[in-house]
C-alpha atoms as a PDB file:
ATOM      1  CA  MET A   1       0.000   0.000   0.000  1.00  0.00           C
ATOM      2  CA  ALA A   2       1.698   3.162  -1.212  1.00  0.00           C
ATOM      3  CA  VAL A   3       1.103   6.536   0.370  1.00  0.00           C
ATOM      4  CA  LYS A   4       0.195   9.047  -2.302  1.00  0.00           C
ATOM      5  CA  PRO A   5       0.873  12.755  -1.845  1.00  0.00           C
ATOM      6  CA  THR A   6      -2.601  13.488  -3.149  1.00  0.00           C
ATOM      7  CA  GLY A   7      -4.041  11.337  -0.350  1.00  0.00           C
ATOM      8  CA  VAL A   8      -2.136  13.334   2.264  1.00  0.00           C
ATOM      9  CA  ILE A   9      -3.295  16.598   0.720  1.00  0.00           C
ATOM     10  CA  ARG A  10      -6.865  15.349   0.549  1.00  0.00           C
ATOM     11  CA  GLN A  11      -6.720  14.302   4.200  1.00  0.00           C
ATOM     12  CA  LEU A  12      -5.192  17.577   5.415  1.00  0.00           C
ATOM     13  CA  GLY A  13      -6.960  19.800   2.950  1.00  0.00           C
ATOM     14  CA  TRP A  14      -5.181  22.246   0.676  1.00  0.00           C
ATOM     15  CA  ARG A  15      -5.335  25.061   3.201  1.00  0.00           C
ATOM     16  CA  ASN A  16      -3.733  23.055   6.033  1.00  0.00           C
ATOM     17  CA  PHE A  17      -1.190  21.535   3.644  1.00  0.00           C
ATOM     18  CA  PHE A  18       0.026  24.969   2.509  1.00  0.00           C
ATOM     19  CA  HIS A  19      -0.097  26.193   6.104  1.00  0.00           C
ATOM     20  CA  LEU A  20       2.239  23.346   7.052  1.00  0.00           C
ATOM     21  CA  LEU A  21       4.572  24.105   4.142  1.00  0.00           C
ATOM     22  CA  THR A  22       4.806  27.777   5.051  1.00  0.00           C
ATOM     23  CA  HIS A  23       5.792  26.904   8.630  1.00  0.00           C
ATOM     24  CA  LEU A  24       8.518  24.392   7.747  1.00  0.00           C
ATOM     25  CA  PRO A  25      11.287  27.061   7.734  1.00  0.00           C
ATOM     26  CA  SER A  26      10.242  28.118  11.251  1.00  0.00           C
ATOM     27  CA  PHE A  27      10.396  24.511  12.455  1.00  0.00           C
ATOM     28  CA  VAL A  28      13.881  24.133  10.996  1.00  0.00           C
ATOM     29  CA  LYS A  29      15.014  27.373  12.697  1.00  0.00           C
ATOM     30  CA  LEU A  30      13.527  26.283  16.017  1.00  0.00           C
ATOM     31  CA  PHE A  31      15.187  22.877  16.033  1.00  0.00           C
ATOM     32  CA  SER A  32      18.550  24.249  14.893  1.00  0.00           C
ATOM     33  CA  ARG A  33      18.479  26.931  17.602  1.00  0.00           C
ATOM     34  CA  LEU A  34      17.527  24.409  20.282  1.00  0.00           C
ATOM     35  CA  ILE A  35      20.351  22.078  19.254  1.00  0.00           C
ATOM     36  CA  LYS A  36      22.856  24.940  19.514  1.00  0.00           C
ATOM     37  CA  ASP A  37      21.480  26.252  22.828  1.00  0.00           C
ATOM     38  CA  PRO A  38      23.686  25.301  25.805  1.00  0.00           C
ATOM     39  CA  ARG A  39      20.658  25.346  28.144  1.00  0.00           C
ATOM     40  CA  VAL A  40      19.280  22.252  26.395  1.00  0.00           C
ATOM     41  CA  SER A  41      20.694  19.088  27.951  1.00  0.00           C
ATOM     42  CA  SER A  42      23.004  16.766  26.059  1.00  0.00           C
ATOM     43  CA  SER A  43      20.627  13.866  26.625  1.00  0.00           C
ATOM     44  CA  SER A  44      17.898  15.787  24.791  1.00  0.00           C
ATOM     45  CA  LYS A  45      20.267  16.435  21.914  1.00  0.00           C
ATOM     46  CA  LEU A  46      21.050  12.709  21.763  1.00  0.00           C
ATOM     47  CA  VAL A  47      17.447  12.147  20.662  1.00  0.00           C
ATOM     48  CA  VAL A  48      18.158  14.206  17.531  1.00  0.00           C
ATOM     49  CA  ALA A  49      21.404  12.298  16.990  1.00  0.00           C
ATOM     50  CA  GLY A  50      19.433   9.048  17.274  1.00  0.00           C
ATOM     51  CA  ILE A  51      16.938  10.260  14.685  1.00  0.00           C
ATOM     52  CA  LEU A  52      19.732  11.148  12.280  1.00  0.00           C
ATOM     53  CA  ALA A  53      21.442   7.811  12.866  1.00  0.00           C
ATOM     54  CA  TYR A  54      18.208   5.925  12.191  1.00  0.00           C
ATOM     55  CA  VAL A  55      17.608   7.800   8.948  1.00  0.00           C
ATOM     56  CA  ILE A  56      21.209   7.476   7.723  1.00  0.00           C
ATOM     57  CA  LEU A  57      21.941   3.881   8.733  1.00  0.00           C
ATOM     58  CA  PRO A  58      20.697   1.132   6.415  1.00  0.00           C
ATOM     59  CA  THR A  59      18.800  -0.734   9.168  1.00  0.00           C
ATOM     60  CA  ASP A  60      15.047  -0.061   9.211  1.00  0.00           C
ATOM     61  CA  LEU A  61      12.007  -1.277  11.101  1.00  0.00           C
ATOM     62  CA  LEU A  62      10.326  -1.818   7.736  1.00  0.00           C
ATOM     63  CA  PRO A  63      12.482  -2.229   4.617  1.00  0.00           C
ATOM     64  CA  ASP A  64      12.357   0.683   2.181  1.00  0.00           C
ATOM     65  CA  PHE A  65      11.693  -1.613  -0.752  1.00  0.00           C
ATOM     66  CA  LEU A  66       8.111  -1.825   0.532  1.00  0.00           C
ATOM     67  CA  ILE A  67       7.057   1.290  -1.363  1.00  0.00           C
ATOM     68  CA  GLY A  68       5.174   3.704   0.856  1.00  0.00           C
ATOM     69  CA  VAL A  69       5.156   1.537   3.983  1.00  0.00           C
ATOM     70  CA  GLY A  70       8.945   1.486   4.138  1.00  0.00           C
ATOM     71  CA  GLN A  71       9.049   5.266   4.210  1.00  0.00           C
ATOM     72  CA  LEU A  72       6.254   5.573   6.772  1.00  0.00           C
ATOM     73  CA  ASP A  73       8.393   4.108   9.540  1.00  0.00           C
ATOM     74  CA  ASP A  74      11.091   6.676   8.768  1.00  0.00           C
ATOM     75  CA  LEU A  75       8.526   9.459   8.940  1.00  0.00           C
ATOM     76  CA  ALA A  76       7.125   8.097  12.220  1.00  0.00           C
ATOM     77  CA  VAL A  77      10.599   7.965  13.798  1.00  0.00           C
ATOM     78  CA  ILE A  78      11.396  11.502  12.634  1.00  0.00           C
ATOM     79  CA  LEU A  79       8.122  13.048  13.812  1.00  0.00           C
ATOM     80  CA  GLY A  80       7.994  11.091  17.068  1.00  0.00           C
ATOM     81  CA  GLY A  81      11.627  11.815  17.827  1.00  0.00           C
ATOM     82  CA  LEU A  82      11.287  15.536  17.178  1.00  0.00           C
ATOM     83  CA  LYS A  83       8.187  15.652  19.376  1.00  0.00           C
ATOM     84  CA  LEU A  84      10.124  13.892  22.141  1.00  0.00           C
ATOM     85  CA  PHE A  85      13.023  16.319  21.689  1.00  0.00           C
ATOM     86  CA  LEU A  86      10.664  19.287  22.147  1.00  0.00           C
ATOM     87  CA  ARG A  87       9.184  17.716  25.301  1.00  0.00           C
ATOM     88  CA  LEU A  88      12.653  17.176  26.766  1.00  0.00           C
ATOM     89  CA  CYS A  89      13.754  20.765  26.125  1.00  0.00           C
ATOM     90  CA  PRO A  90      13.009  23.298  28.872  1.00  0.00           C
ATOM     91  CA  SER A  91       9.699  24.939  27.962  1.00  0.00           C
ATOM     92  CA  GLU A  92      10.945  28.452  28.732  1.00  0.00           C
ATOM     93  CA  VAL A  93      13.847  27.974  26.297  1.00  0.00           C
ATOM     94  CA  VAL A  94      11.485  26.719  23.573  1.00  0.00           C
ATOM     95  CA  GLN A  95       9.141  29.690  24.168  1.00  0.00           C
ATOM     96  CA  GLU A  96      12.052  32.132  24.046  1.00  0.00           C
ATOM     97  CA  HIS A  97      13.206  30.779  20.686  1.00  0.00           C
ATOM     98  CA  LEU A  98       9.653  30.716  19.318  1.00  0.00           C
ATOM     99  CA  LYS A  99       9.182  34.381  20.237  1.00  0.00           C
ATOM    100  CA  SER A 100      12.466  35.399  18.603  1.00  0.00           C
ATOM    101  CA  ILE A 101      11.579  33.471  15.430  1.00  0.00           C
ATOM    102  CA  THR A 102       8.126  35.037  15.158  1.00  0.00           C
ATOM    103  CA  ARG A 103       9.542  38.541  15.662  1.00  0.00           C
ATOM    104  CA  GLY A 104      11.657  38.072  12.600  1.00  0.00           C
END
């Protein structure tokens, strides 16, 4: 069962899909700032290193030759790992970076 981009767009709706796309640069800025921030613990940063290792290394939960399904496990690890990383970061640090990003 392959995941089609049109199915994702249909599920989210065009408006939410474009809303997500327009916020991607802010997400990238937030995560890069949090990784560089010394107030964020090293153990939290290891979560991001684990995500990168999972994506780069050839070992997968589901093999990538299973078109669609093989990529879904990668997406689940990335999204779940980034969510965990945000939860492990001090909330005041995350809020501070969010405010500075939204100010420009």
